[in-house]
Structure formats: C-alpha cells, structure tokens
C-alpha cells in the first residue's frame, strides 16, 4: 500500500525560521468563549488569525521572489508543483558545505522533483541551524539542474544558496528558468531511494514570491 510521508516543518506561534526575521503570530480572532454569545447554547466555534512572513517554515519560492517580471505563487500550474516524479539525492556524507554539479550528474533529473537530503534539518530551531554552516548548492549545480531539465529542487537546509553570497546564484539561476524551489524541508531520510510522487502546493495568493506549503510524498 502507498504511504504518505510528511516533509514539512510545523508552524507555531513565535517560532524562528530565519534569525532576525519576524516570527509568526497566531491568535484567536473569535475565541470559543466569545462565540458562545453568537450561537445556540452549547455551540461554539473558533476563528483563528495568523500573521506570518511568507518565508516561514517549509515554503516554496516562485520566480517573482527573485524577479519583478516572474510569476508569483498563484501563477504555478498544479502540474508544476503537484504529483511530480521525485528523486532524493543523498548528501549527508559530504566533504564540505558546497554541493556542486557532481552531486547530481549520475542521476536522471529531467522533469523530476529533485530533493536534496543533507540532514541539516536535525538542527531545526537551534543556533546551529542559522550559524552560517549549512549545506548549499553551487552555481554549477544550479546550472546543471536547469540544463538537465529538473522541474523542482528542494533542500532540507537553511537556504539553497550560501547565505554569505549576496548574488544568490542558485535562486537566480533556478528561478529565472522557472524551476520551483522548496526550502527548509524535513524528514527526507524517510524517502525511498526508488522514487515517489511529490507535492508542494501553496494557496493561490497573488503578489507573493514565496509561501508556506505542506510538502509531502506518496511512496
């Protein structure tokens, strides 16, 4: 039987995704106690309210995140972000932070969601996670993935780029080519090496270059 594999971090009040950026605020717009006066005795409802940065938890980047003329998250057709053939690239036993094109050359990536399993999610919500030591894709890795026809690239790390490089080459190259990026993934170790179907669908919000997703796989 097929099984569902959750690949997303949970979002909760006050959590940190990027150090120094605003944390989400989750509250009641209508509490159960307050709702009691609106409905029949014994009938209550809760209506929640959330204020969050688009880059919170596990999220997808659209070209508009990098390019003013790029499509936003609402512009993604479902075919680009749902029910994709997925492969996992194991990069937990790496020599350094930089993952170059050699990481991917032996694999068939055309038309696939390429998920890079670094194991960095083990440091989620710790000082180490944001300490500038996370694994990332090099410029030539991004160029290889584009030229080889990857449909989507995900990673379980702080950033698909080296956050010390202000040019952000992986974002720049992948998003200009229309390749979706999913960052801050988790549980990639649970994915089978033999392949799976991958989903990372945001709400259809216009004018947003990034948005949280419930990323998951069917294996």
C-alpha atoms as a PDB file:
ATOM      1  CA  UNK A   1       0.000   0.000   0.000  1.00  0.00           C
ATOM      2  CA  UNK A   2       1.128   3.561  -0.707  1.00  0.00           C
ATOM      3  CA  UNK A   3       2.199   5.618   2.278  1.00  0.00           C
ATOM      4  CA  UNK A   4       2.205   9.372   2.857  1.00  0.00           C
ATOM      5  CA  UNK A   5       5.476  10.957   4.005  1.00  0.00           C
ATOM      6  CA  UNK A   6       5.269  14.424   5.569  1.00  0.00           C
ATOM      7  CA  UNK A   7       8.238  16.609   4.555  1.00  0.00           C
ATOM      8  CA  UNK A   8       7.200  19.876   6.235  1.00  0.00           C
ATOM      9  CA  UNK A   9       8.074  21.622   9.469  1.00  0.00           C
ATOM     10  CA  UNK A  10       5.191  22.572  11.733  1.00  0.00           C
ATOM     11  CA  UNK A  11       4.416  26.288  12.046  1.00  0.00           C
ATOM     12  CA  UNK A  12       3.630  27.557  15.519  1.00  0.00           C
ATOM     13  CA  UNK A  13       3.322  30.858  17.344  1.00  0.00           C
ATOM     14  CA  UNK A  14       6.672  32.575  17.907  1.00  0.00           C
ATOM     15  CA  UNK A  15       8.829  30.076  16.004  1.00  0.00           C
ATOM     16  CA  UNK A  16      12.004  31.148  14.189  1.00  0.00           C
ATOM     17  CA  UNK A  17      12.781  30.211  10.586  1.00  0.00           C
ATOM     18  CA  UNK A  18      15.451  32.817   9.804  1.00  0.00           C
ATOM     19  CA  UNK A  19      17.256  34.504  12.659  1.00  0.00           C
ATOM     20  CA  UNK A  20      16.265  38.175  12.878  1.00  0.00           C
ATOM     21  CA  UNK A  21      13.089  37.903  10.790  1.00  0.00           C
ATOM     22  CA  UNK A  22       9.622  38.267  12.366  1.00  0.00           C
ATOM     23  CA  UNK A  23       8.108  35.170  13.950  1.00  0.00           C
ATOM     24  CA  UNK A  24       4.530  34.147  13.150  1.00  0.00           C
ATOM     25  CA  UNK A  25       1.781  35.400  15.436  1.00  0.00           C
ATOM     26  CA  UNK A  26      -1.141  33.004  15.864  1.00  0.00           C
ATOM     27  CA  UNK A  27      -4.190  34.012  17.860  1.00  0.00           C
ATOM     28  CA  UNK A  28      -7.975  33.880  18.078  1.00  0.00           C
ATOM     29  CA  UNK A  29      -9.942  36.360  16.029  1.00  0.00           C
ATOM     30  CA  UNK A  30     -13.026  34.820  17.607  1.00  0.00           C
ATOM     31  CA  UNK A  31     -12.460  32.704  20.690  1.00  0.00           C
ATOM     32  CA  UNK A  32     -14.749  29.874  21.775  1.00  0.00           C
ATOM     33  CA  UNK A  33     -15.804  31.850  24.851  1.00  0.00           C
ATOM     34  CA  UNK A  34     -16.645  34.913  22.760  1.00  0.00           C
ATOM     35  CA  UNK A  35     -18.502  32.815  20.198  1.00  0.00           C
ATOM     36  CA  UNK A  36     -20.864  31.417  22.818  1.00  0.00           C
ATOM     37  CA  UNK A  37     -22.977  34.581  22.638  1.00  0.00           C
ATOM     38  CA  UNK A  38     -23.436  34.224  18.873  1.00  0.00           C
ATOM     39  CA  UNK A  39     -24.777  30.680  18.674  1.00  0.00           C
ATOM     40  CA  UNK A  40     -27.194  28.341  20.383  1.00  0.00           C
ATOM     41  CA  UNK A  41     -26.362  27.105  23.896  1.00  0.00           C
ATOM     42  CA  UNK A  42     -23.558  24.561  23.775  1.00  0.00           C
ATOM     43  CA  UNK A  43     -22.469  25.554  20.259  1.00  0.00           C
ATOM     44  CA  UNK A  44     -19.113  27.330  19.932  1.00  0.00           C
ATOM     45  CA  UNK A  45     -16.601  27.995  17.183  1.00  0.00           C
ATOM     46  CA  UNK A  46     -13.053  29.275  16.946  1.00  0.00           C
ATOM     47  CA  UNK A  47     -11.854  31.520  14.101  1.00  0.00           C
ATOM     48  CA  UNK A  48      -8.107  31.861  14.062  1.00  0.00           C
ATOM     49  CA  UNK A  49      -5.866  34.668  12.900  1.00  0.00           C
ATOM     50  CA  UNK A  50      -2.270  34.355  11.708  1.00  0.00           C
ATOM     51  CA  UNK A  51       0.305  36.957  10.755  1.00  0.00           C
ATOM     52  CA  UNK A  52       3.415  35.488   9.204  1.00  0.00           C
ATOM     53  CA  UNK A  53       6.269  36.218   6.878  1.00  0.00           C
ATOM     54  CA  UNK A  54       5.965  34.393   3.563  1.00  0.00           C
ATOM     55  CA  UNK A  55       9.338  32.731   4.243  1.00  0.00           C
ATOM     56  CA  UNK A  56       8.184  30.752   7.278  1.00  0.00           C
ATOM     57  CA  UNK A  57       8.601  27.046   7.908  1.00  0.00           C
ATOM     58  CA  UNK A  58       8.757  24.894   4.769  1.00  0.00           C
ATOM     59  CA  UNK A  59       7.948  27.103   1.780  1.00  0.00           C
ATOM     60  CA  UNK A  60       8.092  27.309  -1.988  1.00  0.00           C
ATOM     61  CA  UNK A  61       9.775  30.061  -3.999  1.00  0.00           C
ATOM     62  CA  UNK A  62       8.335  31.279  -7.287  1.00  0.00           C
ATOM     63  CA  UNK A  63      10.247  33.349  -9.878  1.00  0.00           C
ATOM     64  CA  UNK A  64       8.655  36.569  -8.519  1.00  0.00           C
ATOM     65  CA  UNK A  65      10.681  36.041  -5.327  1.00  0.00           C
ATOM     66  CA  UNK A  66      13.779  36.955  -7.362  1.00  0.00           C
ATOM     67  CA  UNK A  67      12.432  38.679 -10.482  1.00  0.00           C
ATOM     68  CA  UNK A  68       9.944  41.503 -10.805  1.00  0.00           C
ATOM     69  CA  UNK A  69       8.649  40.051 -14.078  1.00  0.00           C
ATOM     70  CA  UNK A  70       8.422  36.472 -12.785  1.00  0.00           C
ATOM     71  CA  UNK A  71       5.241  34.582 -11.969  1.00  0.00           C
ATOM     72  CA  UNK A  72       4.069  34.532  -8.362  1.00  0.00           C
ATOM     73  CA  UNK A  73       2.987  31.507  -6.308  1.00  0.00           C
ATOM     74  CA  UNK A  74      -0.572  31.826  -7.653  1.00  0.00           C
ATOM     75  CA  UNK A  75       0.866  31.505 -11.148  1.00  0.00           C
ATOM     76  CA  UNK A  76       2.164  27.991 -10.628  1.00  0.00           C
ATOM     77  CA  UNK A  77       0.020  25.476 -12.516  1.00  0.00           C
ATOM     78  CA  UNK A  78      -0.656  22.393 -10.414  1.00  0.00           C
ATOM     79  CA  UNK A  79       1.316  20.330 -12.917  1.00  0.00           C
ATOM     80  CA  UNK A  80       4.485  22.206 -11.872  1.00  0.00           C
ATOM     81  CA  UNK A  81       4.204  21.541  -8.130  1.00  0.00           C
ATOM     82  CA  UNK A  82       1.961  18.513  -7.595  1.00  0.00           C
ATOM     83  CA  UNK A  83       2.148  14.804  -8.398  1.00  0.00           C
ATOM     84  CA  UNK A  84       5.712  15.107  -9.695  1.00  0.00           C
ATOM     85  CA  UNK A  85       8.014  12.140 -10.064  1.00  0.00           C
ATOM     86  CA  UNK A  86      10.525  12.640  -7.277  1.00  0.00           C
ATOM     87  CA  UNK A  87      14.064  11.526  -6.573  1.00  0.00           C
ATOM     88  CA  UNK A  88      16.134  12.022  -3.443  1.00  0.00           C
ATOM     89  CA  UNK A  89      19.825  12.916  -3.590  1.00  0.00           C
ATOM     90  CA  UNK A  90      21.702  11.730  -0.510  1.00  0.00           C
ATOM     91  CA  UNK A  91      24.240  14.344   0.596  1.00  0.00           C
ATOM     92  CA  UNK A  92      24.589  13.552   4.289  1.00  0.00           C
ATOM     93  CA  UNK A  93      28.105  12.148   3.865  1.00  0.00           C
ATOM     94  CA  UNK A  94      29.648  15.251   2.281  1.00  0.00           C
ATOM     95  CA  UNK A  95      33.153  16.643   2.463  1.00  0.00           C
ATOM     96  CA  UNK A  96      32.122  20.293   2.786  1.00  0.00           C
ATOM     97  CA  UNK A  97      29.127  22.616   2.646  1.00  0.00           C
ATOM     98  CA  UNK A  98      29.122  23.225  -1.105  1.00  0.00           C
ATOM     99  CA  UNK A  99      27.218  20.705  -3.226  1.00  0.00           C
ATOM    100  CA  UNK A 100      28.378  21.033  -6.825  1.00  0.00           C
ATOM    101  CA  UNK A 101      27.202  19.547 -10.116  1.00  0.00           C
ATOM    102  CA  UNK A 102      28.952  16.250  -9.417  1.00  0.00           C
ATOM    103  CA  UNK A 103      26.329  15.632  -6.711  1.00  0.00           C
ATOM    104  CA  UNK A 104      23.680  15.259  -9.433  1.00  0.00           C
ATOM    105  CA  UNK A 105      25.417  14.076 -12.625  1.00  0.00           C
ATOM    106  CA  UNK A 106      24.794  10.371 -12.095  1.00  0.00           C
ATOM    107  CA  UNK A 107      21.033  10.850 -11.695  1.00  0.00           C
ATOM    108  CA  UNK A 108      18.195  11.357 -14.184  1.00  0.00           C
ATOM    109  CA  UNK A 109      16.564  14.639 -13.121  1.00  0.00           C
ATOM    110  CA  UNK A 110      14.597  15.657 -16.243  1.00  0.00           C
ATOM    111  CA  UNK A 111      11.005  16.530 -15.350  1.00  0.00           C
ATOM    112  CA  UNK A 112      11.521  15.486 -11.725  1.00  0.00           C
ATOM    113  CA  UNK A 113      11.366  16.987  -8.270  1.00  0.00           C
ATOM    114  CA  UNK A 114      14.946  16.725  -7.035  1.00  0.00           C
ATOM    115  CA  UNK A 115      15.075  16.687  -3.216  1.00  0.00           C
ATOM    116  CA  UNK A 116      18.494  17.119  -1.606  1.00  0.00           C
ATOM    117  CA  UNK A 117      18.820  15.241   1.679  1.00  0.00           C
ATOM    118  CA  UNK A 118      21.606  16.893   3.709  1.00  0.00           C
ATOM    119  CA  UNK A 119      20.364  16.059   7.213  1.00  0.00           C
ATOM    120  CA  UNK A 120      20.611  19.723   8.221  1.00  0.00           C
ATOM    121  CA  UNK A 121      17.007  19.617   9.460  1.00  0.00           C
ATOM    122  CA  UNK A 122      18.357  17.864  12.570  1.00  0.00           C
ATOM    123  CA  UNK A 123      19.426  21.376  13.693  1.00  0.00           C
ATOM    124  CA  UNK A 124      15.989  22.980  13.102  1.00  0.00           C
ATOM    125  CA  UNK A 125      15.230  25.706  15.654  1.00  0.00           C
ATOM    126  CA  UNK A 126      18.705  25.552  17.179  1.00  0.00           C
ATOM    127  CA  UNK A 127      21.526  28.099  16.990  1.00  0.00           C
ATOM    128  CA  UNK A 128      23.434  25.750  14.676  1.00  0.00           C
ATOM    129  CA  UNK A 129      20.704  25.849  12.007  1.00  0.00           C
ATOM    130  CA  UNK A 130      21.296  29.547  11.302  1.00  0.00           C
ATOM    131  CA  UNK A 131      25.005  29.720  12.151  1.00  0.00           C
ATOM    132  CA  UNK A 132      26.226  30.076   8.552  1.00  0.00           C
ATOM    133  CA  UNK A 133      27.423  26.483   8.201  1.00  0.00           C
ATOM    134  CA  UNK A 134      24.514  24.980   6.268  1.00  0.00           C
ATOM    135  CA  UNK A 135      24.967  22.977   3.054  1.00  0.00           C
ATOM    136  CA  UNK A 136      24.021  24.688  -0.208  1.00  0.00           C
ATOM    137  CA  UNK A 137      24.066  24.303  -3.999  1.00  0.00           C
ATOM    138  CA  UNK A 138      26.828  25.898  -6.042  1.00  0.00           C
ATOM    139  CA  UNK A 139      26.319  27.895  -9.219  1.00  0.00           C
ATOM    140  CA  UNK A 140      27.384  24.973 -11.403  1.00  0.00           C
ATOM    141  CA  UNK A 141      24.971  22.653  -9.569  1.00  0.00           C
ATOM    142  CA  UNK A 142      22.082  25.018 -10.354  1.00  0.00           C
ATOM    143  CA  UNK A 143      23.221  25.341 -13.975  1.00  0.00           C
ATOM    144  CA  UNK A 144      23.396  21.561 -14.314  1.00  0.00           C
ATOM    145  CA  UNK A 145      19.908  21.094 -12.858  1.00  0.00           C
ATOM    146  CA  UNK A 146      18.465  23.667 -15.266  1.00  0.00           C
ATOM    147  CA  UNK A 147      20.250  22.291 -18.337  1.00  0.00           C
ATOM    148  CA  UNK A 148      19.198  18.757 -17.356  1.00  0.00           C
ATOM    149  CA  UNK A 149      15.536  19.760 -17.099  1.00  0.00           C
ATOM    150  CA  UNK A 150      14.771  19.459 -13.367  1.00  0.00           C
ATOM    151  CA  UNK A 151      11.188  20.532 -12.608  1.00  0.00           C
ATOM    152  CA  UNK A 152      11.648  21.453  -8.928  1.00  0.00           C
ATOM    153  CA  UNK A 153      14.512  21.448  -6.435  1.00  0.00           C
ATOM    154  CA  UNK A 154      14.079  21.073  -2.681  1.00  0.00           C
ATOM    155  CA  UNK A 155      16.525  21.022   0.211  1.00  0.00           C
ATOM    156  CA  UNK A 156      16.347  20.382   3.976  1.00  0.00           C
ATOM    157  CA  UNK A 157      18.678  23.279   4.757  1.00  0.00           C
ATOM    158  CA  UNK A 158      18.541  26.932   5.806  1.00  0.00           C
ATOM    159  CA  UNK A 159      18.959  28.112   2.225  1.00  0.00           C
ATOM    160  CA  UNK A 160      19.604  26.583  -1.175  1.00  0.00           C
ATOM    161  CA  UNK A 161      22.333  29.252  -1.509  1.00  0.00           C
ATOM    162  CA  UNK A 162      25.283  30.130   0.669  1.00  0.00           C
ATOM    163  CA  UNK A 163      23.783  32.945   2.744  1.00  0.00           C
ATOM    164  CA  UNK A 164      27.157  34.723   2.664  1.00  0.00           C
ATOM    165  CA  UNK A 165      26.899  35.106  -1.125  1.00  0.00           C
ATOM    166  CA  UNK A 166      24.763  38.135  -1.853  1.00  0.00           C
ATOM    167  CA  UNK A 167      24.355  37.221  -5.515  1.00  0.00           C
ATOM    168  CA  UNK A 168      22.313  34.114  -4.564  1.00  0.00           C
ATOM    169  CA  UNK A 169      23.328  32.147  -7.692  1.00  0.00           C
ATOM    170  CA  UNK A 170      21.129  29.078  -7.094  1.00  0.00           C
ATOM    171  CA  UNK A 171      17.986  31.192  -6.631  1.00  0.00           C
ATOM    172  CA  UNK A 172      18.963  33.389  -9.564  1.00  0.00           C
ATOM    173  CA  UNK A 173      19.565  30.520 -11.999  1.00  0.00           C
ATOM    174  CA  UNK A 174      16.759  28.173 -10.947  1.00  0.00           C
ATOM    175  CA  UNK A 175      14.025  30.787 -10.664  1.00  0.00           C
ATOM    176  CA  UNK A 176      14.947  32.510 -13.945  1.00  0.00           C
ATOM    177  CA  UNK A 177      14.450  29.113 -15.587  1.00  0.00           C
ATOM    178  CA  UNK A 178      11.092  28.660 -13.860  1.00  0.00           C
ATOM    179  CA  UNK A 179      12.321  25.833 -11.620  1.00  0.00           C
ATOM    180  CA  UNK A 180      10.443  25.867  -8.311  1.00  0.00           C
ATOM    181  CA  UNK A 181      12.492  25.853  -5.088  1.00  0.00           C
ATOM    182  CA  UNK A 182      11.321  24.360  -1.784  1.00  0.00           C
ATOM    183  CA  UNK A 183      13.449  25.221   1.270  1.00  0.00           C
ATOM    184  CA  UNK A 184      13.508  24.170   4.932  1.00  0.00           C
ATOM    185  CA  UNK A 185      12.263  20.683   4.211  1.00  0.00           C
ATOM    186  CA  UNK A 186      12.461  17.872   6.753  1.00  0.00           C
ATOM    187  CA  UNK A 187      12.238  14.087   7.029  1.00  0.00           C
ATOM    188  CA  UNK A 188      13.889  13.492   3.651  1.00  0.00           C
ATOM    189  CA  UNK A 189      15.594  10.498   5.211  1.00  0.00           C
ATOM    190  CA  UNK A 190      12.224   8.721   5.142  1.00  0.00           C
ATOM    191  CA  UNK A 191      12.008   8.912   1.339  1.00  0.00           C
ATOM    192  CA  UNK A 192      12.675   5.727  -0.621  1.00  0.00           C
ATOM    193  CA  UNK A 193      15.643   5.720  -2.980  1.00  0.00           C
ATOM    194  CA  UNK A 194      13.496   4.042  -5.618  1.00  0.00           C
ATOM    195  CA  UNK A 195      11.291   7.084  -6.274  1.00  0.00           C
ATOM    196  CA  UNK A 196       7.997   8.627  -5.144  1.00  0.00           C
ATOM    197  CA  UNK A 197       5.375  11.211  -6.087  1.00  0.00           C
ATOM    198  CA  UNK A 198       5.946  14.707  -4.676  1.00  0.00           C
ATOM    199  CA  UNK A 199       3.573  17.574  -3.796  1.00  0.00           C
ATOM    200  CA  UNK A 200       4.321  21.137  -2.583  1.00  0.00           C
ATOM    201  CA  UNK A 201       1.215  23.251  -3.186  1.00  0.00           C
ATOM    202  CA  UNK A 202       0.740  26.767  -1.759  1.00  0.00           C
ATOM    203  CA  UNK A 203      -2.569  28.684  -1.652  1.00  0.00           C
ATOM    204  CA  UNK A 204      -3.250  30.747  -4.784  1.00  0.00           C
ATOM    205  CA  UNK A 205      -2.101  34.054  -3.273  1.00  0.00           C
ATOM    206  CA  UNK A 206      -1.364  36.760  -5.814  1.00  0.00           C
ATOM    207  CA  UNK A 207       1.626  39.038  -5.445  1.00  0.00           C
ATOM    208  CA  UNK A 208       3.701  36.626  -3.329  1.00  0.00           C
ATOM    209  CA  UNK A 209       7.068  35.243  -4.376  1.00  0.00           C
ATOM    210  CA  UNK A 210       7.175  32.671  -1.573  1.00  0.00           C
ATOM    211  CA  UNK A 211       4.614  30.932   0.616  1.00  0.00           C
ATOM    212  CA  UNK A 212       4.483  28.059   3.128  1.00  0.00           C
ATOM    213  CA  UNK A 213       3.467  24.646   1.809  1.00  0.00           C
ATOM    214  CA  UNK A 214       2.556  21.258   3.238  1.00  0.00           C
ATOM    215  CA  UNK A 215       5.150  19.325   1.278  1.00  0.00           C
ATOM    216  CA  UNK A 216       4.670  15.550   1.177  1.00  0.00           C
ATOM    217  CA  UNK A 217       5.424  12.462  -0.825  1.00  0.00           C
ATOM    218  CA  UNK A 218       3.485   9.344  -1.749  1.00  0.00           C
ATOM    219  CA  UNK A 219       5.665   6.263  -1.859  1.00  0.00           C
END
